[in-house]
Amino acid sequence: MALAMTTRHHLWLTRGSQEILKVDIPTALFCDSNATIDRAYNPKLNERSKHIDVAYHFTREQINKGNVSVMHVPSEEN
């Protein structure tokens, strides 16, 4: 859920910056949870992920569109 919120805020800021600066800004998000990154890239559903609301599939949609990429960062560096 935090990754979905971060994706929305980051895209909003990036689009605003692109309108002002007229340049493409690469969008990379960093996350310290491998499970969250796996869920963002792979749409597999299991018993533990049934509760995820449709709104939180937003990050996966943005990854598929090429608008963002999510990379792992160790917790110590996060």
PDB file of N, CA and C in Angstrom:
ATOM      1  N   MET A   1       0.822  -1.188   0.000  1.00  0.00           N
ATOM      2  CA  MET A   1       0.000   0.000   0.000  1.00  0.00           C
ATOM      3  C   MET A   1       0.869   1.256   0.000  1.00  0.00           C
ATOM      4  N   ALA A   2       1.972   1.207   0.735  1.00  0.00           N
ATOM      5  CA  ALA A   2       2.876   2.355   0.763  1.00  0.00           C
ATOM      6  C   ALA A   2       3.518   2.569  -0.604  1.00  0.00           C
ATOM      7  N   LEU A   3       3.837   1.488  -1.298  1.00  0.00           N
ATOM      8  CA  LEU A   3       4.440   1.612  -2.619  1.00  0.00           C
ATOM      9  C   LEU A   3       3.458   2.237  -3.612  1.00  0.00           C
ATOM     10  N   ALA A   4       2.199   1.883  -3.519  1.00  0.00           N
ATOM     11  CA  ALA A   4       1.184   2.475  -4.403  1.00  0.00           C
ATOM     12  C   ALA A   4       1.050   3.970  -4.142  1.00  0.00           C
ATOM     13  N   MET A   5       1.036   4.365  -2.878  1.00  0.00           N
ATOM     14  CA  MET A   5       0.938   5.782  -2.526  1.00  0.00           C
ATOM     15  C   MET A   5       2.178   6.536  -3.014  1.00  0.00           C
ATOM     16  N   THR A   6       3.344   5.947  -2.828  1.00  0.00           N
ATOM     17  CA  THR A   6       4.583   6.570  -3.283  1.00  0.00           C
ATOM     18  C   THR A   6       4.596   6.716  -4.799  1.00  0.00           C
ATOM     19  N   THR A   7       4.108   5.700  -5.502  1.00  0.00           N
ATOM     20  CA  THR A   7       4.044   5.754  -6.966  1.00  0.00           C
ATOM     21  C   THR A   7       3.175   6.915  -7.420  1.00  0.00           C
ATOM     22  N   ARG A   8       2.017   7.063  -6.800  1.00  0.00           N
ATOM     23  CA  ARG A   8       1.110   8.153  -7.175  1.00  0.00           C
ATOM     24  C   ARG A   8       1.752   9.517  -6.932  1.00  0.00           C
ATOM     25  N   HIS A   9       2.348   9.695  -5.769  1.00  0.00           N
ATOM     26  CA  HIS A   9       2.962  10.982  -5.445  1.00  0.00           C
ATOM     27  C   HIS A   9       4.158  11.268  -6.354  1.00  0.00           C
ATOM     28  N   HIS A  10       4.945  10.251  -6.596  1.00  0.00           N
ATOM     29  CA  HIS A  10       6.138  10.427  -7.426  1.00  0.00           C
ATOM     30  C   HIS A  10       5.760  10.788  -8.867  1.00  0.00           C
ATOM     31  N   LEU A  11       4.758  10.112  -9.415  1.00  0.00           N
ATOM     32  CA  LEU A  11       4.318  10.428 -10.779  1.00  0.00           C
ATOM     33  C   LEU A  11       3.755  11.838 -10.857  1.00  0.00           C
ATOM     34  N   TRP A  12       3.040  12.257  -9.830  1.00  0.00           N
ATOM     35  CA  TRP A  12       2.484  13.608  -9.818  1.00  0.00           C
ATOM     36  C   TRP A  12       3.619  14.632  -9.843  1.00  0.00           C
ATOM     37  N   LEU A  13       4.621  14.439  -8.999  1.00  0.00           N
ATOM     38  CA  LEU A  13       5.755  15.361  -8.960  1.00  0.00           C
ATOM     39  C   LEU A  13       6.554  15.328 -10.261  1.00  0.00           C
ATOM     40  N   THR A  14       6.754  14.143 -10.803  1.00  0.00           N
ATOM     41  CA  THR A  14       7.519  13.997 -12.039  1.00  0.00           C
ATOM     42  C   THR A  14       6.815  14.678 -13.206  1.00  0.00           C
ATOM     43  N   ARG A  15       5.524  14.477 -13.317  1.00  0.00           N
ATOM     44  CA  ARG A  15       4.774  15.104 -14.422  1.00  0.00           C
ATOM     45  C   ARG A  15       4.793  16.622 -14.304  1.00  0.00           C
ATOM     46  N   GLY A  16       4.687  17.125 -13.086  1.00  0.00           N
ATOM     47  CA  GLY A  16       4.767  18.571 -12.888  1.00  0.00           C
ATOM     48  C   GLY A  16       6.123  19.109 -13.291  1.00  0.00           C
ATOM     49  N   SER A  17       7.178  18.412 -12.910  1.00  0.00           N
ATOM     50  CA  SER A  17       8.543  18.820 -13.258  1.00  0.00           C
ATOM     51  C   SER A  17       8.761  18.757 -14.766  1.00  0.00           C
ATOM     52  N   GLN A  18       8.203  17.728 -15.407  1.00  0.00           N
ATOM     53  CA  GLN A  18       8.365  17.591 -16.854  1.00  0.00           C
ATOM     54  C   GLN A  18       7.677  18.736 -17.594  1.00  0.00           C
ATOM     55  N   GLU A  19       6.528  19.180 -17.091  1.00  0.00           N
ATOM     56  CA  GLU A  19       5.828  20.290 -17.734  1.00  0.00           C
ATOM     57  C   GLU A  19       6.618  21.583 -17.611  1.00  0.00           C
ATOM     58  N   ILE A  20       7.250  21.786 -16.470  1.00  0.00           N
ATOM     59  CA  ILE A  20       8.004  23.014 -16.243  1.00  0.00           C
ATOM     60  C   ILE A  20       9.340  22.985 -16.979  1.00  0.00           C
ATOM     61  N   LEU A  21      10.069  21.877 -16.851  1.00  0.00           N
ATOM     62  CA  LEU A  21      11.425  21.799 -17.400  1.00  0.00           C
ATOM     63  C   LEU A  21      11.483  21.322 -18.843  1.00  0.00           C
ATOM     64  N   LYS A  22      10.394  20.726 -19.319  1.00  0.00           N
ATOM     65  CA  LYS A  22      10.315  20.202 -20.696  1.00  0.00           C
ATOM     66  C   LYS A  22      11.362  19.119 -20.973  1.00  0.00           C
ATOM     67  N   VAL A  23      11.692  18.304 -19.974  1.00  0.00           N
ATOM     68  CA  VAL A  23      12.618  17.183 -20.143  1.00  0.00           C
ATOM     69  C   VAL A  23      12.013  15.943 -19.496  1.00  0.00           C
ATOM     70  N   ASP A  24      12.388  14.784 -20.023  1.00  0.00           N
ATOM     71  CA  ASP A  24      11.944  13.527 -19.421  1.00  0.00           C
ATOM     72  C   ASP A  24      12.828  13.208 -18.230  1.00  0.00           C
ATOM     73  N   ILE A  25      12.210  12.900 -17.129  1.00  0.00           N
ATOM     74  CA  ILE A  25      12.929  12.565 -15.906  1.00  0.00           C
ATOM     75  C   ILE A  25      12.698  11.083 -15.627  1.00  0.00           C
ATOM     76  N   PRO A  26      13.770  10.289 -15.546  1.00  0.00           N
ATOM     77  CA  PRO A  26      13.580   8.864 -15.261  1.00  0.00           C
ATOM     78  C   PRO A  26      12.964   8.659 -13.875  1.00  0.00           C
ATOM     79  N   THR A  27      12.085   7.690 -13.787  1.00  0.00           N
ATOM     80  CA  THR A  27      11.377   7.437 -12.539  1.00  0.00           C
ATOM     81  C   THR A  27      11.773   6.078 -11.993  1.00  0.00           C
ATOM     82  N   ALA A  28      12.471   6.094 -10.873  1.00  0.00           N
ATOM     83  CA  ALA A  28      12.862   4.854 -10.202  1.00  0.00           C
ATOM     84  C   ALA A  28      12.448   4.959  -8.745  1.00  0.00           C
ATOM     85  N   LEU A  29      11.772   3.942  -8.264  1.00  0.00           N
ATOM     86  CA  LEU A  29      11.389   3.874  -6.867  1.00  0.00           C
ATOM     87  C   LEU A  29      12.207   2.793  -6.187  1.00  0.00           C
ATOM     88  N   PHE A  30      12.592   3.033  -4.961  1.00  0.00           N
ATOM     89  CA  PHE A  30      13.378   2.071  -4.211  1.00  0.00           C
ATOM     90  C   PHE A  30      12.560   1.546  -3.046  1.00  0.00           C
ATOM     91  N   CYS A  31      12.655   0.247  -2.806  1.00  0.00           N
ATOM     92  CA  CYS A  31      11.885  -0.418  -1.763  1.00  0.00           C
ATOM     93  C   CYS A  31      12.779  -1.444  -1.085  1.00  0.00           C
ATOM     94  N   ASP A  32      12.623  -1.615   0.223  1.00  0.00           N
ATOM     95  CA  ASP A  32      13.460  -2.571   0.930  1.00  0.00           C
ATOM     96  C   ASP A  32      12.793  -3.935   1.107  1.00  0.00           C
ATOM     97  N   SER A  33      11.618  -4.117   0.556  1.00  0.00           N
ATOM     98  CA  SER A  33      10.887  -5.377   0.682  1.00  0.00           C
ATOM     99  C   SER A  33      10.881  -6.129  -0.648  1.00  0.00           C
ATOM    100  N   ASN A  34      11.598  -7.233  -0.688  1.00  0.00           N
ATOM    101  CA  ASN A  34      11.608  -8.053  -1.906  1.00  0.00           C
ATOM    102  C   ASN A  34      10.224  -8.597  -2.225  1.00  0.00           C
ATOM    103  N   ALA A  35       9.445  -8.915  -1.202  1.00  0.00           N
ATOM    104  CA  ALA A  35       8.087  -9.432  -1.420  1.00  0.00           C
ATOM    105  C   ALA A  35       7.209  -8.380  -2.093  1.00  0.00           C
ATOM    106  N   THR A  36       7.347  -7.141  -1.673  1.00  0.00           N
ATOM    107  CA  THR A  36       6.567  -6.054  -2.283  1.00  0.00           C
ATOM    108  C   THR A  36       6.971  -5.842  -3.730  1.00  0.00           C
ATOM    109  N   ILE A  37       8.267  -5.876  -3.996  1.00  0.00           N
ATOM    110  CA  ILE A  37       8.749  -5.722  -5.369  1.00  0.00           C
ATOM    111  C   ILE A  37       8.260  -6.873  -6.241  1.00  0.00           C
ATOM    112  N   ASP A  38       8.320  -8.085  -5.714  1.00  0.00           N
ATOM    113  CA  ASP A  38       7.834  -9.255  -6.448  1.00  0.00           C
ATOM    114  C   ASP A  38       6.354  -9.117  -6.756  1.00  0.00           C
ATOM    115  N   ARG A  39       5.572  -8.668  -5.792  1.00  0.00           N
ATOM    116  CA  ARG A  39       4.131  -8.490  -5.989  1.00  0.00           C
ATOM    117  C   ARG A  39       3.859  -7.395  -7.017  1.00  0.00           C
ATOM    118  N   ALA A  40       4.703  -6.359  -7.053  1.00  0.00           N
ATOM    119  CA  ALA A  40       4.504  -5.267  -8.009  1.00  0.00           C
ATOM    120  C   ALA A  40       4.759  -5.723  -9.441  1.00  0.00           C
ATOM    121  N   TYR A  41       5.714  -6.628  -9.631  1.00  0.00           N
ATOM    122  CA  TYR A  41       6.062  -7.083 -10.979  1.00  0.00           C
ATOM    123  C   TYR A  41       5.277  -8.314 -11.426  1.00  0.00           C
ATOM    124  N   ASN A  42       4.825  -9.136 -10.489  1.00  0.00           N
ATOM    125  CA  ASN A  42       4.139 -10.387 -10.833  1.00  0.00           C
ATOM    126  C   ASN A  42       2.725 -10.386 -10.265  1.00  0.00           C
ATOM    127  N   PRO A  43       1.725 -10.521 -11.116  1.00  0.00           N
ATOM    128  CA  PRO A  43       0.340 -10.439 -10.649  1.00  0.00           C
ATOM    129  C   PRO A  43      -0.210 -11.734 -10.052  1.00  0.00           C
ATOM    130  N   LYS A  44       0.630 -12.524  -9.423  1.00  0.00           N
ATOM    131  CA  LYS A  44       0.129 -13.776  -8.852  1.00  0.00           C
ATOM    132  C   LYS A  44      -0.720 -13.492  -7.617  1.00  0.00           C
ATOM    133  N   LEU A  45      -1.735 -14.280  -7.436  1.00  0.00           N
ATOM    134  CA  LEU A  45      -2.663 -14.104  -6.326  1.00  0.00           C
ATOM    135  C   LEU A  45      -2.621 -15.345  -5.458  1.00  0.00           C
ATOM    136  N   ASN A  46      -2.509 -15.149  -4.161  1.00  0.00           N
ATOM    137  CA  ASN A  46      -2.577 -16.279  -3.249  1.00  0.00           C
ATOM    138  C   ASN A  46      -3.428 -15.893  -2.044  1.00  0.00           C
ATOM    139  N   GLU A  47      -3.540 -16.779  -1.087  1.00  0.00           N
ATOM    140  CA  GLU A  47      -4.408 -16.547   0.073  1.00  0.00           C
ATOM    141  C   GLU A  47      -4.027 -15.284   0.842  1.00  0.00           C
ATOM    142  N   ARG A  48      -2.736 -14.978   0.907  1.00  0.00           N
ATOM    143  CA  ARG A  48      -2.303 -13.820   1.688  1.00  0.00           C
ATOM    144  C   ARG A  48      -2.466 -12.505   0.944  1.00  0.00           C
ATOM    145  N   SER A  49      -2.682 -12.533  -0.348  1.00  0.00           N
ATOM    146  CA  SER A  49      -2.787 -11.285  -1.103  1.00  0.00           C
ATOM    147  C   SER A  49      -4.205 -10.979  -1.577  1.00  0.00           C
ATOM    148  N   LYS A  50      -5.169 -11.768  -1.152  1.00  0.00           N
ATOM    149  CA  LYS A  50      -6.548 -11.530  -1.579  1.00  0.00           C
ATOM    150  C   LYS A  50      -7.086 -10.189  -1.085  1.00  0.00           C
ATOM    151  N   HIS A  51      -6.582  -9.713   0.043  1.00  0.00           N
ATOM    152  CA  HIS A  51      -7.099  -8.494   0.643  1.00  0.00           C
ATOM    153  C   HIS A  51      -6.649  -7.224  -0.074  1.00  0.00           C
ATOM    154  N   ILE A  52      -5.721  -7.335  -1.008  1.00  0.00           N
ATOM    155  CA  ILE A  52      -5.195  -6.151  -1.674  1.00  0.00           C
ATOM    156  C   ILE A  52      -6.272  -5.572  -2.580  1.00  0.00           C
ATOM    157  N   ASP A  53      -6.617  -4.324  -2.335  1.00  0.00           N
ATOM    158  CA  ASP A  53      -7.662  -3.644  -3.073  1.00  0.00           C
ATOM    159  C   ASP A  53      -7.206  -3.376  -4.507  1.00  0.00           C
ATOM    160  N   VAL A  54      -8.148  -3.257  -5.410  1.00  0.00           N
ATOM    161  CA  VAL A  54      -7.853  -3.020  -6.817  1.00  0.00           C
ATOM    162  C   VAL A  54      -7.033  -1.738  -6.998  1.00  0.00           C
ATOM    163  N   ALA A  55      -7.264  -0.753  -6.161  1.00  0.00           N
ATOM    164  CA  ALA A  55      -6.545   0.516  -6.278  1.00  0.00           C
ATOM    165  C   ALA A  55      -5.044   0.340  -6.116  1.00  0.00           C
ATOM    166  N   TYR A  56      -4.622  -0.700  -5.418  1.00  0.00           N
ATOM    167  CA  TYR A  56      -3.204  -0.887  -5.155  1.00  0.00           C
ATOM    168  C   TYR A  56      -2.487  -1.656  -6.258  1.00  0.00           C
ATOM    169  N   HIS A  57      -3.207  -1.985  -7.308  1.00  0.00           N
ATOM    170  CA  HIS A  57      -2.564  -2.574  -8.480  1.00  0.00           C
ATOM    171  C   HIS A  57      -2.041  -1.464  -9.398  1.00  0.00           C
ATOM    172  N   PHE A  58      -2.195  -0.233  -8.957  1.00  0.00           N
ATOM    173  CA  PHE A  58      -1.753   0.929  -9.714  1.00  0.00           C
ATOM    174  C   PHE A  58      -0.257   0.867 -10.024  1.00  0.00           C
ATOM    175  N   THR A  59       0.547   0.464  -9.053  1.00  0.00           N
ATOM    176  CA  THR A  59       1.993   0.392  -9.266  1.00  0.00           C
ATOM    177  C   THR A  59       2.320  -0.582 -10.385  1.00  0.00           C
ATOM    178  N   ARG A  60       1.682  -1.743 -10.396  1.00  0.00           N
ATOM    179  CA  ARG A  60       1.930  -2.734 -11.449  1.00  0.00           C
ATOM    180  C   ARG A  60       1.554  -2.168 -12.807  1.00  0.00           C
ATOM    181  N   GLU A  61       0.441  -1.461 -12.878  1.00  0.00           N
ATOM    182  CA  GLU A  61       0.024  -0.856 -14.140  1.00  0.00           C
ATOM    183  C   GLU A  61       1.062   0.147 -14.632  1.00  0.00           C
ATOM    184  N   GLN A  62       1.596   0.937 -13.728  1.00  0.00           N
ATOM    185  CA  GLN A  62       2.599   1.930 -14.104  1.00  0.00           C
ATOM    186  C   GLN A  62       3.907   1.274 -14.535  1.00  0.00           C
ATOM    187  N   ILE A  63       4.264   0.161 -13.912  1.00  0.00           N
ATOM    188  CA  ILE A  63       5.444  -0.598 -14.329  1.00  0.00           C
ATOM    189  C   ILE A  63       5.237  -1.130 -15.738  1.00  0.00           C
ATOM    190  N   ASN A  64       4.063  -1.705 -16.001  1.00  0.00           N
ATOM    191  CA  ASN A  64       3.764  -2.258 -17.324  1.00  0.00           C
ATOM    192  C   ASN A  64       3.755  -1.180 -18.409  1.00  0.00           C
ATOM    193  N   LYS A  65       3.340   0.038 -18.059  1.00  0.00           N
ATOM    194  CA  LYS A  65       3.334   1.140 -19.011  1.00  0.00           C
ATOM    195  C   LYS A  65       4.727   1.733 -19.207  1.00  0.00           C
ATOM    196  N   GLY A  66       5.663   1.354 -18.357  1.00  0.00           N
ATOM    197  CA  GLY A  66       7.018   1.881 -18.454  1.00  0.00           C
ATOM    198  C   GLY A  66       7.205   3.222 -17.773  1.00  0.00           C
ATOM    199  N   ASN A  67       6.255   3.624 -16.953  1.00  0.00           N
ATOM    200  CA  ASN A  67       6.349   4.915 -16.272  1.00  0.00           C
ATOM    201  C   ASN A  67       7.256   4.885 -15.047  1.00  0.00           C
ATOM    202  N   VAL A  68       7.366   3.740 -14.386  1.00  0.00           N
ATOM    203  CA  VAL A  68       8.213   3.613 -13.198  1.00  0.00           C
ATOM    204  C   VAL A  68       8.933   2.276 -13.217  1.00  0.00           C
ATOM    205  N   SER A  69       9.994   2.197 -12.450  1.00  0.00           N
ATOM    206  CA  SER A  69      10.636   0.923 -12.182  1.00  0.00           C
ATOM    207  C   SER A  69      10.889   0.878 -10.677  1.00  0.00           C
ATOM    208  N   VAL A  70      10.818  -0.302 -10.113  1.00  0.00           N
ATOM    209  CA  VAL A  70      11.005  -0.473  -8.672  1.00  0.00           C
ATOM    210  C   VAL A  70      12.239  -1.333  -8.467  1.00  0.00           C
ATOM    211  N   MET A  71      13.143  -0.837  -7.648  1.00  0.00           N
ATOM    212  CA  MET A  71      14.395  -1.546  -7.388  1.00  0.00           C
ATOM    213  C   MET A  71      14.577  -1.756  -5.896  1.00  0.00           C
ATOM    214  N   HIS A  72      15.327  -2.796  -5.569  1.00  0.00           N
ATOM    215  CA  HIS A  72      15.573  -3.120  -4.165  1.00  0.00           C
ATOM    216  C   HIS A  72      16.703  -2.264  -3.613  1.00  0.00           C
ATOM    217  N   VAL A  73      16.523  -1.830  -2.389  1.00  0.00           N
ATOM    218  CA  VAL A  73      17.562  -1.136  -1.648  1.00  0.00           C
ATOM    219  C   VAL A  73      17.583  -1.751  -0.248  1.00  0.00           C
ATOM    220  N   PRO A  74      18.747  -2.065   0.273  1.00  0.00           N
ATOM    221  CA  PRO A  74      18.805  -2.646   1.625  1.00  0.00           C
ATOM    222  C   PRO A  74      18.202  -1.687   2.662  1.00  0.00           C
ATOM    223  N   SER A  75      17.625  -2.253   3.702  1.00  0.00           N
ATOM    224  CA  SER A  75      16.978  -1.439   4.740  1.00  0.00           C
ATOM    225  C   SER A  75      17.929  -0.412   5.334  1.00  0.00           C
ATOM    226  N   GLU A  76      19.205  -0.762   5.465  1.00  0.00           N
ATOM    227  CA  GLU A  76      20.173   0.150   6.052  1.00  0.00           C
ATOM    228  C   GLU A  76      20.373   1.397   5.197  1.00  0.00           C
ATOM    229  N   GLU A  77      20.153   1.277   3.899  1.00  0.00           N
ATOM    230  CA  GLU A  77      20.356   2.400   2.986  1.00  0.00           C
ATOM    231  C   GLU A  77      19.053   3.105   2.628  1.00  0.00           C
ATOM    232  N   ASN A  78      17.941   2.576   3.073  1.00  0.00           N
ATOM    233  CA  ASN A  78      16.641   3.131   2.707  1.00  0.00           C
ATOM    234  C   ASN A  78      16.384   4.444   3.402  1.00  0.00           C
TER     235      ASN A  78
END
